[in-house]
């Protein structure tokens, strides 16, 4: 029973820290554009190939 007096404030501290971290991420734009990063992972090779092809055409 005595451990609850120690664990409850720690749990409240962790929850407060998680909420603060979440709002920090939202305010800094971490969740603004979720689709672009997913597409960049899938189609990264196409972007590099196009930029290399554009570079070759310019020469």
Protein backbone atom coordinates (compact mmCIF):
# COMPACT_ATOMS: atom_id res chain seq x y z
CA UNK A 1 0.00 0.00 0.00
CA UNK A 2 2.88 2.34 0.71
CA UNK A 3 4.17 1.88 -2.83
CA UNK A 4 1.03 3.58 -4.21
CA UNK A 5 2.10 6.83 -2.58
CA UNK A 6 5.26 6.59 -4.63
CA UNK A 7 3.85 5.20 -7.90
CA UNK A 8 0.79 7.43 -8.35
CA UNK A 9 2.79 10.70 -8.53
CA UNK A 10 5.22 9.06 -10.94
CA UNK A 11 2.31 7.92 -13.15
CA UNK A 12 0.79 11.40 -13.06
CA UNK A 13 4.18 12.86 -13.99
CA UNK A 14 4.53 10.49 -16.96
CA UNK A 15 1.03 11.29 -18.21
CA UNK A 16 1.65 15.03 -17.91
CA UNK A 17 4.95 14.63 -19.76
CA UNK A 18 3.28 12.61 -22.53
CA UNK A 19 0.50 15.17 -22.96
CA UNK A 20 3.03 18.01 -23.08
CA UNK A 21 5.12 16.12 -25.66
CA UNK A 22 2.03 15.44 -27.77
CA UNK A 23 0.96 19.09 -27.83
CA UNK A 24 4.54 20.15 -28.57
CA UNK A 25 4.57 17.84 -31.59
CA UNK A 26 1.19 19.09 -32.81
CA UNK A 27 2.20 22.74 -32.45
CA UNK A 28 5.47 22.14 -34.33
CA UNK A 29 3.69 20.61 -37.33
CA UNK A 30 4.65 16.99 -36.89
CA UNK A 31 1.15 15.86 -37.88
CA UNK A 32 0.42 18.40 -40.62
CA UNK A 33 1.35 16.31 -43.65
CA UNK A 34 1.29 12.58 -43.00
CA UNK A 35 1.01 11.45 -46.63
CA UNK A 36 4.16 12.97 -48.14
CA UNK A 37 6.62 11.11 -45.92
CA UNK A 38 4.88 7.80 -46.61
CA UNK A 39 5.03 8.37 -50.35
CA UNK A 40 8.66 9.51 -50.18
CA UNK A 41 9.65 6.16 -48.68
CA UNK A 42 7.83 4.23 -51.39
CA UNK A 43 8.85 6.31 -54.38
CA UNK A 44 12.29 7.58 -53.39
CA UNK A 45 14.03 5.75 -56.24
CA UNK A 46 11.75 7.37 -58.83
CA UNK A 47 12.60 10.86 -57.56
CA UNK A 48 16.33 10.15 -57.70
CA UNK A 49 16.05 8.62 -61.17
CA UNK A 50 14.13 11.63 -62.45
CA UNK A 51 16.61 14.08 -60.96
CA UNK A 52 19.51 12.11 -62.45
CA UNK A 53 17.74 12.02 -65.84
CA UNK A 54 17.09 15.76 -65.65
CA UNK A 55 20.74 16.33 -64.81
CA UNK A 56 21.83 14.24 -67.79
CA UNK A 57 19.53 16.12 -70.15
CA UNK A 58 20.88 19.48 -69.04
CA UNK A 59 24.47 18.49 -69.83
